[in-house]
Amino acid sequence: MAKRKGSKNRSLKRFLAVILLFITVISGVLIYRSVNTRAAVGAQRAQDGANNASQEEGEQEQEQEEWLLQLVNKQNPIHGDNDIELTELSNGERVDSRIYPQLQKMFDDMRADGVYPIVASGYRTQKEQQQIYDKKMAEYTKKGYSKEKAKKETEKWVAVPGTSEHQLGLGVDINADGVHSYGYEVYNWLAENAHLYGFIHRYPEDKVKITGISNEPWHYRYVGVKAAGEIYKQGVCLEEYLESKGLN
C-alpha cells in the first residue's frame, strides 16, 4: 500500500511541475507581448511626435517665406497699411523689426570696411507713398509734361501707392552719409556683399522690363539669407526667382 501511495505522490508532483511550466511559459509569452506592445506604442508616439514637429517646422518655414518673399509690384499690390512691428533707427527712419538685426550687422560691417551708409528711406505708409508720388508728378508737370507723360516718367522712379515695398517695411533706400563716404562706395559695397545679410538689389538695370522700375542702386529688399544668396548667384530679380520656385 505504501508503494502505491509513493507512486501517486510522484505522479502528482509531475502533474504540478507540468502545470507550473505551462504557467511560466504563458506568463513569459504575455510579458513578451506586453513589452513589445509598449515598445510599439512608444515608437509610434515618437514617430507621431517627429511627424508633428516636421509638419510644424514646414508650416513655420512656409509662414516665414510668406512675409520674406511677399511680392509687391504693379501686378501684385497691397491694400492699405500693413500691421507690422517697426523699429525706429537713429535718424528716425523705420523698418520691419524682423529685418533690423541683419540690417544693423550689415551696416556695422560696412563701417568696419570704411564705408558709411545711412537708411535714407525705410517704411512708408500709404499716405506717405502717395505724397511722394504726387510730388514727383508735380515736378514733371511743372516741366511741361502732359499728365500722361508725367505719370509714365513718375512711375519709372516712384512706385504707385500700394505697390511699394517700402509699405512692407522690407525695402530700404541706402545711401552714403555724405560726410565720410560717396554714394558709389556704398552702392559698390552693397552690390558685392548685401546678399550675405539677406538683402537683394531689387531693381537691377538689366531687369527693368520685368520689374517696371528704373535701376535704383540704393534700393535693397530683405528676403532672407538663403533666398538672397540664390538670387545673387543666379543673377535674377525677385520676380524671376519666385517664378522659378512656383511662388509667383
C-alpha atoms as a PDB file:
ATOM      1  CA  MET A   1       0.000   0.000   0.000  1.00  0.00           C
ATOM      2  CA  ALA A   2       2.864   2.393   0.867  1.00  0.00           C
ATOM      3  CA  LYS A   3       4.386   1.789  -2.557  1.00  0.00           C
ATOM      4  CA  ARG A   4       1.212   2.787  -4.348  1.00  0.00           C
ATOM      5  CA  LYS A   5       0.974   5.977  -2.291  1.00  0.00           C
ATOM      6  CA  GLY A   6       4.513   6.944  -3.296  1.00  0.00           C
ATOM      7  CA  SER A   7       3.672   6.388  -6.938  1.00  0.00           C
ATOM      8  CA  LYS A   8       0.653   8.632  -6.655  1.00  0.00           C
ATOM      9  CA  ASN A   9       2.753  11.329  -4.997  1.00  0.00           C
ATOM     10  CA  ARG A  10       5.283  11.219  -7.817  1.00  0.00           C
ATOM     11  CA  SER A  11       2.509  11.476 -10.414  1.00  0.00           C
ATOM     12  CA  LEU A  12       1.030  14.447  -8.588  1.00  0.00           C
ATOM     13  CA  LYS A  13       4.399  16.142  -8.432  1.00  0.00           C
ATOM     14  CA  ARG A  14       4.954  15.591 -12.166  1.00  0.00           C
ATOM     15  CA  PHE A  15       1.468  16.966 -12.867  1.00  0.00           C
ATOM     16  CA  LEU A  16       2.115  20.037 -10.730  1.00  0.00           C
ATOM     17  CA  ALA A  17       5.501  20.538 -12.436  1.00  0.00           C
ATOM     18  CA  VAL A  18       3.842  20.428 -15.860  1.00  0.00           C
ATOM     19  CA  ILE A  19       1.196  22.928 -14.702  1.00  0.00           C
ATOM     20  CA  LEU A  20       3.893  25.225 -13.288  1.00  0.00           C
ATOM     21  CA  LEU A  21       5.903  25.007 -16.513  1.00  0.00           C
ATOM     22  CA  PHE A  22       2.776  25.779 -18.532  1.00  0.00           C
ATOM     23  CA  ILE A  23       2.017  28.823 -16.343  1.00  0.00           C
ATOM     24  CA  THR A  24       5.620  30.004 -16.645  1.00  0.00           C
ATOM     25  CA  VAL A  25       5.544  29.732 -20.443  1.00  0.00           C
ATOM     26  CA  ILE A  26       2.187  31.508 -20.713  1.00  0.00           C
ATOM     27  CA  SER A  27       3.396  34.269 -18.389  1.00  0.00           C
ATOM     28  CA  GLY A  28       6.540  34.701 -20.447  1.00  0.00           C
ATOM     29  CA  VAL A  29       4.538  34.994 -23.644  1.00  0.00           C
ATOM     30  CA  LEU A  30       2.170  37.535 -22.098  1.00  0.00           C
ATOM     31  CA  ILE A  31       5.063  39.602 -20.698  1.00  0.00           C
ATOM     32  CA  TYR A  32       6.847  39.480 -24.071  1.00  0.00           C
ATOM     33  CA  ARG A  33       3.733  40.649 -25.874  1.00  0.00           C
ATOM     34  CA  SER A  34       3.168  43.395 -23.303  1.00  0.00           C
ATOM     35  CA  VAL A  35       6.732  44.654 -23.628  1.00  0.00           C
ATOM     36  CA  ASN A  36       6.547  44.594 -27.405  1.00  0.00           C
ATOM     37  CA  THR A  37       3.197  46.356 -27.354  1.00  0.00           C
ATOM     38  CA  ARG A  38       4.540  49.116 -25.092  1.00  0.00           C
ATOM     39  CA  ALA A  39       7.621  49.412 -27.286  1.00  0.00           C
ATOM     40  CA  ALA A  40       5.480  49.624 -30.417  1.00  0.00           C
ATOM     41  CA  VAL A  41       3.237  52.246 -28.835  1.00  0.00           C
ATOM     42  CA  GLY A  42       6.283  54.213 -27.701  1.00  0.00           C
ATOM     43  CA  ALA A  43       7.821  54.008 -31.152  1.00  0.00           C
ATOM     44  CA  GLN A  44       4.562  55.121 -32.759  1.00  0.00           C
ATOM     45  CA  ARG A  45       4.272  58.042 -30.356  1.00  0.00           C
ATOM     46  CA  ALA A  46       7.864  59.041 -31.089  1.00  0.00           C
ATOM     47  CA  GLN A  47       7.168  58.828 -34.817  1.00  0.00           C
ATOM     48  CA  ASP A  48       3.970  60.851 -34.416  1.00  0.00           C
ATOM     49  CA  GLY A  49       5.918  63.443 -32.452  1.00  0.00           C
ATOM     50  CA  ALA A  50       8.592  63.616 -35.139  1.00  0.00           C
ATOM     51  CA  ASN A  51       5.937  63.942 -37.842  1.00  0.00           C
ATOM     52  CA  ASN A  52       4.174  66.700 -35.927  1.00  0.00           C
ATOM     53  CA  ALA A  53       7.459  68.534 -35.358  1.00  0.00           C
ATOM     54  CA  SER A  54       8.335  68.191 -39.034  1.00  0.00           C
ATOM     55  CA  GLN A  55       4.896  69.469 -40.010  1.00  0.00           C
ATOM     56  CA  GLU A  56       5.198  72.422 -37.617  1.00  0.00           C
ATOM     57  CA  GLU A  57       8.638  73.244 -38.977  1.00  0.00           C
ATOM     58  CA  GLY A  58       7.267  73.094 -42.516  1.00  0.00           C
ATOM     59  CA  GLU A  59       4.377  75.366 -41.583  1.00  0.00           C
ATOM     60  CA  GLN A  60       6.722  77.787 -39.843  1.00  0.00           C
ATOM     61  CA  GLU A  61       9.017  77.812 -42.863  1.00  0.00           C
ATOM     62  CA  GLN A  62       6.048  78.446 -45.148  1.00  0.00           C
ATOM     63  CA  GLU A  63       4.822  81.280 -42.932  1.00  0.00           C
ATOM     64  CA  GLN A  64       8.326  82.729 -42.918  1.00  0.00           C
ATOM     65  CA  GLU A  65       8.547  82.575 -46.705  1.00  0.00           C
ATOM     66  CA  GLU A  66       5.201  84.304 -46.987  1.00  0.00           C
ATOM     67  CA  TRP A  67       6.483  87.512 -45.393  1.00  0.00           C
ATOM     68  CA  LEU A  68      10.081  87.221 -46.537  1.00  0.00           C
ATOM     69  CA  LEU A  69       9.188  86.668 -50.178  1.00  0.00           C
ATOM     70  CA  GLN A  70       5.990  88.657 -50.487  1.00  0.00           C
ATOM     71  CA  LEU A  71       5.936  90.114 -53.976  1.00  0.00           C
ATOM     72  CA  VAL A  72       4.780  93.696 -54.339  1.00  0.00           C
ATOM     73  CA  ASN A  73       4.649  95.370 -57.754  1.00  0.00           C
ATOM     74  CA  LYS A  74       2.073  96.774 -60.173  1.00  0.00           C
ATOM     75  CA  GLN A  75       0.586  93.331 -60.715  1.00  0.00           C
ATOM     76  CA  ASN A  76       0.632  92.459 -57.007  1.00  0.00           C
ATOM     77  CA  PRO A  77      -0.467  95.472 -54.960  1.00  0.00           C
ATOM     78  CA  ILE A  78      -1.054  95.593 -51.236  1.00  0.00           C
ATOM     79  CA  HIS A  79      -4.109  97.224 -49.761  1.00  0.00           C
ATOM     80  CA  GLY A  80      -3.656  99.894 -47.131  1.00  0.00           C
ATOM     81  CA  ASP A  81      -1.004  99.772 -44.422  1.00  0.00           C
ATOM     82  CA  ASN A  82       0.372  96.537 -43.018  1.00  0.00           C
ATOM     83  CA  ASP A  83       0.062  95.856 -39.295  1.00  0.00           C
ATOM     84  CA  ILE A  84       3.735  95.210 -38.597  1.00  0.00           C
ATOM     85  CA  GLU A  85       6.091  95.841 -35.703  1.00  0.00           C
ATOM     86  CA  LEU A  86       8.566  98.574 -36.598  1.00  0.00           C
ATOM     87  CA  THR A  87      11.967  99.514 -35.216  1.00  0.00           C
ATOM     88  CA  GLU A  88      12.979 103.164 -35.374  1.00  0.00           C
ATOM     89  CA  LEU A  89      16.529 103.908 -36.486  1.00  0.00           C
ATOM     90  CA  SER A  90      18.767 106.646 -35.101  1.00  0.00           C
ATOM     91  CA  ASN A  91      17.767 109.041 -37.900  1.00  0.00           C
ATOM     92  CA  GLY A  92      14.044 108.492 -37.400  1.00  0.00           C
ATOM     93  CA  GLU A  93      13.512 106.083 -40.301  1.00  0.00           C
ATOM     94  CA  ARG A  94      11.711 102.830 -39.515  1.00  0.00           C
ATOM     95  CA  VAL A  95      11.966  99.241 -40.727  1.00  0.00           C
ATOM     96  CA  ASP A  96      10.210  95.950 -40.036  1.00  0.00           C
ATOM     97  CA  SER A  97      11.653  94.799 -36.702  1.00  0.00           C
ATOM     98  CA  ARG A  98      12.354  91.339 -38.126  1.00  0.00           C
ATOM     99  CA  ILE A  99      14.972  92.685 -40.542  1.00  0.00           C
ATOM    100  CA  TYR A 100      16.645  95.092 -38.125  1.00  0.00           C
ATOM    101  CA  PRO A 101      19.311  92.701 -36.707  1.00  0.00           C
ATOM    102  CA  GLN A 102      20.641  91.827 -40.174  1.00  0.00           C
ATOM    103  CA  LEU A 103      20.452  95.444 -41.331  1.00  0.00           C
ATOM    104  CA  GLN A 104      22.418  96.580 -38.302  1.00  0.00           C
ATOM    105  CA  LYS A 105      25.006  93.837 -38.764  1.00  0.00           C
ATOM    106  CA  MET A 106      25.441  94.810 -42.418  1.00  0.00           C
ATOM    107  CA  PHE A 107      25.910  98.471 -41.517  1.00  0.00           C
ATOM    108  CA  ASP A 108      28.428  97.580 -38.785  1.00  0.00           C
ATOM    109  CA  ASP A 109      30.477  95.548 -41.266  1.00  0.00           C
ATOM    110  CA  MET A 110      30.288  98.325 -43.867  1.00  0.00           C
ATOM    111  CA  ARG A 111      31.661 100.846 -41.379  1.00  0.00           C
ATOM    112  CA  ALA A 112      34.398  98.382 -40.421  1.00  0.00           C
ATOM    113  CA  ASP A 113      35.369  98.431 -44.117  1.00  0.00           C
ATOM    114  CA  GLY A 114      35.476 102.226 -44.132  1.00  0.00           C
ATOM    115  CA  VAL A 115      32.098 102.712 -45.849  1.00  0.00           C
ATOM    116  CA  TYR A 116      29.480 104.804 -44.063  1.00  0.00           C
ATOM    117  CA  PRO A 117      25.839 104.223 -45.067  1.00  0.00           C
ATOM    118  CA  ILE A 118      22.509 105.586 -43.901  1.00  0.00           C
ATOM    119  CA  VAL A 119      18.934 104.460 -44.477  1.00  0.00           C
ATOM    120  CA  ALA A 120      17.600 107.398 -46.444  1.00  0.00           C
ATOM    121  CA  SER A 121      14.117 105.898 -46.577  1.00  0.00           C
ATOM    122  CA  GLY A 122      12.558 102.928 -44.824  1.00  0.00           C
ATOM    123  CA  TYR A 123       8.945 102.134 -44.019  1.00  0.00           C
ATOM    124  CA  ARG A 124       6.274 104.326 -45.582  1.00  0.00           C
ATOM    125  CA  THR A 125       2.564 104.475 -45.019  1.00  0.00           C
ATOM    126  CA  GLN A 126       0.135 104.535 -47.928  1.00  0.00           C
ATOM    127  CA  LYS A 127      -0.312 108.263 -47.328  1.00  0.00           C
ATOM    128  CA  GLU A 128       3.432 108.939 -47.378  1.00  0.00           C
ATOM    129  CA  GLN A 129       3.857 106.971 -50.599  1.00  0.00           C
ATOM    130  CA  GLN A 130       1.028 108.967 -52.147  1.00  0.00           C
ATOM    131  CA  GLN A 131       2.683 112.241 -51.185  1.00  0.00           C
ATOM    132  CA  ILE A 132       5.986 111.191 -52.787  1.00  0.00           C
ATOM    133  CA  TYR A 133       4.164 110.073 -55.926  1.00  0.00           C
ATOM    134  CA  ASP A 134       2.175 113.318 -56.176  1.00  0.00           C
ATOM    135  CA  LYS A 135       5.290 115.432 -55.631  1.00  0.00           C
ATOM    136  CA  LYS A 136       7.154 113.690 -58.455  1.00  0.00           C
ATOM    137  CA  MET A 137       4.126 114.047 -60.726  1.00  0.00           C
ATOM    138  CA  ALA A 138       4.019 117.780 -59.959  1.00  0.00           C
ATOM    139  CA  GLU A 139       7.706 118.148 -60.839  1.00  0.00           C
ATOM    140  CA  TYR A 140       7.194 116.677 -64.300  1.00  0.00           C
ATOM    141  CA  THR A 141       4.003 118.636 -64.854  1.00  0.00           C
ATOM    142  CA  LYS A 142       5.857 121.841 -63.973  1.00  0.00           C
ATOM    143  CA  LYS A 143       8.414 120.981 -66.647  1.00  0.00           C
ATOM    144  CA  GLY A 144       5.611 120.996 -69.214  1.00  0.00           C
ATOM    145  CA  TYR A 145       4.959 117.252 -69.437  1.00  0.00           C
ATOM    146  CA  SER A 146       1.425 116.150 -70.277  1.00  0.00           C
ATOM    147  CA  LYS A 147      -0.424 114.323 -67.492  1.00  0.00           C
ATOM    148  CA  GLU A 148       0.039 111.017 -69.295  1.00  0.00           C
ATOM    149  CA  LYS A 149       3.753 111.536 -69.864  1.00  0.00           C
ATOM    150  CA  ALA A 150       4.293 112.867 -66.342  1.00  0.00           C
ATOM    151  CA  LYS A 151       2.631 109.730 -64.982  1.00  0.00           C
ATOM    152  CA  LYS A 152       4.780 107.487 -67.150  1.00  0.00           C
ATOM    153  CA  GLU A 153       8.018 109.202 -66.093  1.00  0.00           C
ATOM    154  CA  THR A 154       7.000 109.313 -62.439  1.00  0.00           C
ATOM    155  CA  GLU A 155       6.353 105.593 -62.323  1.00  0.00           C
ATOM    156  CA  LYS A 156       9.841 104.857 -63.593  1.00  0.00           C
ATOM    157  CA  TRP A 157      11.145 106.103 -60.252  1.00  0.00           C
ATOM    158  CA  VAL A 158       8.263 106.100 -57.791  1.00  0.00           C
ATOM    159  CA  ALA A 159       6.018 103.116 -57.204  1.00  0.00           C
ATOM    160  CA  VAL A 160       2.303 103.674 -57.401  1.00  0.00           C
ATOM    161  CA  PRO A 161       0.883 103.831 -53.856  1.00  0.00           C
ATOM    162  CA  GLY A 162       0.018 100.277 -52.841  1.00  0.00           C
ATOM    163  CA  THR A 163       2.784  98.772 -54.970  1.00  0.00           C
ATOM    164  CA  SER A 164       5.811  99.949 -52.991  1.00  0.00           C
ATOM    165  CA  GLU A 165       7.994  97.611 -50.960  1.00  0.00           C
ATOM    166  CA  HIS A 166       8.536 100.483 -48.546  1.00  0.00           C
ATOM    167  CA  GLN A 167       4.980  99.858 -47.363  1.00  0.00           C
ATOM    168  CA  LEU A 168       6.100  96.379 -46.254  1.00  0.00           C
ATOM    169  CA  GLY A 169       8.945  97.725 -44.137  1.00  0.00           C
ATOM    170  CA  LEU A 170      11.242  95.333 -46.022  1.00  0.00           C
ATOM    171  CA  GLY A 171      12.541  97.797 -48.617  1.00  0.00           C
ATOM    172  CA  VAL A 172      15.232 100.334 -47.719  1.00  0.00           C
ATOM    173  CA  ASP A 173      16.965 103.075 -49.683  1.00  0.00           C
ATOM    174  CA  ILE A 174      20.600 103.041 -48.607  1.00  0.00           C
ATOM    175  CA  ASN A 175      22.849 105.994 -49.415  1.00  0.00           C
ATOM    176  CA  ALA A 176      26.156 107.425 -48.204  1.00  0.00           C
ATOM    177  CA  ASP A 177      26.242 109.597 -45.104  1.00  0.00           C
ATOM    178  CA  GLY A 178      27.550 112.470 -47.235  1.00  0.00           C
ATOM    179  CA  VAL A 179      30.464 113.077 -44.893  1.00  0.00           C
ATOM    180  CA  HIS A 180      32.716 110.031 -44.811  1.00  0.00           C
ATOM    181  CA  SER A 181      31.616 108.212 -47.965  1.00  0.00           C
ATOM    182  CA  TYR A 182      30.425 108.788 -51.511  1.00  0.00           C
ATOM    183  CA  GLY A 183      27.345 107.183 -52.966  1.00  0.00           C
ATOM    184  CA  TYR A 184      29.237 104.941 -55.361  1.00  0.00           C
ATOM    185  CA  GLU A 185      31.250 103.467 -52.467  1.00  0.00           C
ATOM    186  CA  VAL A 186      28.065 102.437 -50.712  1.00  0.00           C
ATOM    187  CA  TYR A 187      26.484 101.059 -53.892  1.00  0.00           C
ATOM    188  CA  ASN A 188      29.588  99.059 -54.836  1.00  0.00           C
ATOM    189  CA  TRP A 189      29.855  97.518 -51.367  1.00  0.00           C
ATOM    190  CA  LEU A 190      26.176  96.601 -51.347  1.00  0.00           C
ATOM    191  CA  ALA A 191      26.325  95.083 -54.835  1.00  0.00           C
ATOM    192  CA  GLU A 192      29.088  92.728 -53.698  1.00  0.00           C
ATOM    193  CA  ASN A 193      28.032  91.923 -50.150  1.00  0.00           C
ATOM    194  CA  ALA A 194      24.379  92.702 -49.370  1.00  0.00           C
ATOM    195  CA  HIS A 195      23.225  89.157 -50.203  1.00  0.00           C
ATOM    196  CA  LEU A 196      25.352  87.814 -47.360  1.00  0.00           C
ATOM    197  CA  TYR A 197      22.993  89.585 -44.974  1.00  0.00           C
ATOM    198  CA  GLY A 198      19.750  88.688 -46.746  1.00  0.00           C
ATOM    199  CA  PHE A 199      19.320  91.799 -48.910  1.00  0.00           C
ATOM    200  CA  ILE A 200      18.996  91.979 -52.698  1.00  0.00           C
ATOM    201  CA  HIS A 201      19.400  94.801 -55.217  1.00  0.00           C
ATOM    202  CA  ARG A 202      15.721  94.940 -56.019  1.00  0.00           C
ATOM    203  CA  TYR A 203      15.713  96.876 -59.300  1.00  0.00           C
ATOM    204  CA  PRO A 204      18.782  95.977 -61.394  1.00  0.00           C
ATOM    205  CA  GLU A 205      19.500  97.820 -64.636  1.00  0.00           C
ATOM    206  CA  ASP A 206      19.118  94.687 -66.775  1.00  0.00           C
ATOM    207  CA  LYS A 207      15.734  93.760 -65.259  1.00  0.00           C
ATOM    208  CA  VAL A 208      13.797  96.972 -65.886  1.00  0.00           C
ATOM    209  CA  LYS A 209      11.465  95.289 -68.382  1.00  0.00           C
ATOM    210  CA  ILE A 210      10.470  92.791 -65.701  1.00  0.00           C
ATOM    211  CA  THR A 211      10.351  94.992 -62.593  1.00  0.00           C
ATOM    212  CA  GLY A 212       8.974  98.071 -64.357  1.00  0.00           C
ATOM    213  CA  ILE A 213      11.260 100.261 -62.229  1.00  0.00           C
ATOM    214  CA  SER A 214      14.416 102.007 -63.409  1.00  0.00           C
ATOM    215  CA  ASN A 215      17.743 100.952 -61.945  1.00  0.00           C
ATOM    216  CA  GLU A 216      17.986 102.027 -58.318  1.00  0.00           C
ATOM    217  CA  PRO A 217      21.398 101.079 -56.899  1.00  0.00           C
ATOM    218  CA  TRP A 218      20.263 102.333 -53.499  1.00  0.00           C
ATOM    219  CA  HIS A 219      17.072 100.281 -53.135  1.00  0.00           C
ATOM    220  CA  TYR A 220      17.526  96.983 -51.314  1.00  0.00           C
ATOM    221  CA  ARG A 221      14.935  94.463 -50.230  1.00  0.00           C
ATOM    222  CA  TYR A 222      15.222  91.915 -47.444  1.00  0.00           C
ATOM    223  CA  VAL A 223      14.356  88.344 -48.496  1.00  0.00           C
ATOM    224  CA  GLY A 224      16.465  86.318 -46.058  1.00  0.00           C
ATOM    225  CA  VAL A 225      19.996  84.980 -46.434  1.00  0.00           C
ATOM    226  CA  LYS A 226      19.043  81.777 -48.273  1.00  0.00           C
ATOM    227  CA  ALA A 227      16.934  83.418 -50.985  1.00  0.00           C
ATOM    228  CA  ALA A 228      19.297  86.377 -51.309  1.00  0.00           C
ATOM    229  CA  GLY A 229      22.229  84.044 -51.925  1.00  0.00           C
ATOM    230  CA  GLU A 230      20.341  82.123 -54.598  1.00  0.00           C
ATOM    231  CA  ILE A 231      19.127  85.305 -56.304  1.00  0.00           C
ATOM    232  CA  TYR A 232      22.645  86.744 -56.294  1.00  0.00           C
ATOM    233  CA  LYS A 233      24.186  83.531 -57.638  1.00  0.00           C
ATOM    234  CA  GLN A 234      21.566  83.119 -60.383  1.00  0.00           C
ATOM    235  CA  GLY A 235      21.642  86.786 -61.399  1.00  0.00           C
ATOM    236  CA  VAL A 236      17.854  87.085 -61.373  1.00  0.00           C
ATOM    237  CA  CYS A 237      15.372  89.554 -59.954  1.00  0.00           C
ATOM    238  CA  LEU A 238      12.751  88.690 -57.346  1.00  0.00           C
ATOM    239  CA  GLU A 239      10.005  88.153 -59.919  1.00  0.00           C
ATOM    240  CA  GLU A 240      12.126  85.616 -61.815  1.00  0.00           C
ATOM    241  CA  TYR A 241      13.210  83.876 -58.649  1.00  0.00           C
ATOM    242  CA  LEU A 242       9.665  83.439 -57.360  1.00  0.00           C
ATOM    243  CA  GLU A 243       8.505  82.197 -60.758  1.00  0.00           C
ATOM    244  CA  SER A 244      11.272  79.579 -60.805  1.00  0.00           C
ATOM    245  CA  LYS A 245      10.081  78.401 -57.398  1.00  0.00           C
ATOM    246  CA  GLY A 246       6.466  78.307 -58.469  1.00  0.00           C
ATOM    247  CA  LEU A 247       5.634  81.030 -55.959  1.00  0.00           C
ATOM    248  CA  ASN A 248       4.697  83.775 -58.405  1.00  0.00           C
END
